[in-house]
Amino acid sequence: MSFIEFVQERWSVLSFLAYQHLSLVVQTLAIATLLAIVLGVLAYRSSFGT
């Protein structure tokens, strides 16, 4: 079985798993970005480090 045959036989499963992976990556990046912005704003406004 070649790689091409492997992919062709399992295309529906592979595409679903790729979609799940992409969705997880996008969600994680969105949460990390929002958290970084909030922490950056809090650190900027804080007088703790000065």
C-alpha atoms as a PDB file:
ATOM      1  CA  MET A   1       0.000   0.000   0.000  1.00  0.00           C
ATOM      2  CA  SER A   2       1.475   3.330  -1.037  1.00  0.00           C
ATOM      3  CA  PHE A   3       1.042   6.590   0.778  1.00  0.00           C
ATOM      4  CA  ILE A   4      -1.367   7.849  -1.891  1.00  0.00           C
ATOM      5  CA  GLU A   5      -3.556   4.765  -1.533  1.00  0.00           C
ATOM      6  CA  PHE A   6      -3.494   5.129   2.243  1.00  0.00           C
ATOM      7  CA  VAL A   7      -4.706   8.722   2.008  1.00  0.00           C
ATOM      8  CA  GLN A   8      -7.345   7.928  -0.609  1.00  0.00           C
ATOM      9  CA  GLU A   9      -8.815   5.099   1.457  1.00  0.00           C
ATOM     10  CA  ARG A  10      -8.973   7.174   4.634  1.00  0.00           C
ATOM     11  CA  TRP A  11      -9.734  10.621   3.183  1.00  0.00           C
ATOM     12  CA  SER A  12     -12.915  11.218   5.197  1.00  0.00           C
ATOM     13  CA  VAL A  13     -11.255  10.355   8.507  1.00  0.00           C
ATOM     14  CA  LEU A  14      -8.096  12.322   7.718  1.00  0.00           C
ATOM     15  CA  SER A  15     -10.007  15.415   6.641  1.00  0.00           C
ATOM     16  CA  PHE A  16     -12.174  15.293   9.781  1.00  0.00           C
ATOM     17  CA  LEU A  17      -9.111  14.948  12.007  1.00  0.00           C
ATOM     18  CA  ALA A  18      -7.360  17.778  10.162  1.00  0.00           C
ATOM     19  CA  TYR A  19     -10.424  19.987  10.689  1.00  0.00           C
ATOM     20  CA  GLN A  20     -10.468  19.144  14.402  1.00  0.00           C
ATOM     21  CA  HIS A  21      -6.767  19.938  14.698  1.00  0.00           C
ATOM     22  CA  LEU A  22      -7.156  23.261  12.892  1.00  0.00           C
ATOM     23  CA  SER A  23     -10.131  24.165  15.072  1.00  0.00           C
ATOM     24  CA  LEU A  24      -8.199  23.384  18.253  1.00  0.00           C
ATOM     25  CA  VAL A  25      -5.206  25.441  17.103  1.00  0.00           C
ATOM     26  CA  VAL A  26      -7.370  28.463  16.220  1.00  0.00           C
ATOM     27  CA  GLN A  27      -9.270  28.304  19.510  1.00  0.00           C
ATOM     28  CA  THR A  28      -6.058  28.009  21.512  1.00  0.00           C
ATOM     29  CA  LEU A  29      -4.453  30.933  19.676  1.00  0.00           C
ATOM     30  CA  ALA A  30      -7.526  33.087  20.239  1.00  0.00           C
ATOM     31  CA  ILE A  31      -7.579  32.343  23.968  1.00  0.00           C
ATOM     32  CA  ALA A  32      -3.814  32.903  24.291  1.00  0.00           C
ATOM     33  CA  THR A  33      -4.035  36.205  22.411  1.00  0.00           C
ATOM     34  CA  LEU A  34      -6.863  37.499  24.579  1.00  0.00           C
ATOM     35  CA  LEU A  35      -5.066  36.417  27.735  1.00  0.00           C
ATOM     36  CA  ALA A  36      -1.825  38.087  26.604  1.00  0.00           C
ATOM     37  CA  ILE A  37      -3.640  41.343  25.836  1.00  0.00           C
ATOM     38  CA  VAL A  38      -5.376  41.365  29.220  1.00  0.00           C
ATOM     39  CA  LEU A  39      -2.140  40.596  31.068  1.00  0.00           C
ATOM     40  CA  GLY A  40      -0.276  43.228  29.054  1.00  0.00           C
ATOM     41  CA  VAL A  41      -2.847  45.892  29.879  1.00  0.00           C
ATOM     42  CA  LEU A  42      -2.796  44.940  33.557  1.00  0.00           C
ATOM     43  CA  ALA A  43       1.006  44.994  33.655  1.00  0.00           C
ATOM     44  CA  TYR A  44       1.126  48.364  31.894  1.00  0.00           C
ATOM     45  CA  ARG A  45      -1.326  49.936  34.333  1.00  0.00           C
ATOM     46  CA  SER A  46       0.265  48.383  37.407  1.00  0.00           C
ATOM     47  CA  SER A  47       2.658  50.346  39.561  1.00  0.00           C
ATOM     48  CA  PHE A  48       4.194  47.173  40.968  1.00  0.00           C
ATOM     49  CA  GLY A  49       7.301  47.216  38.748  1.00  0.00           C
ATOM     50  CA  THR A  50       8.137  50.888  39.098  1.00  0.00           C
END
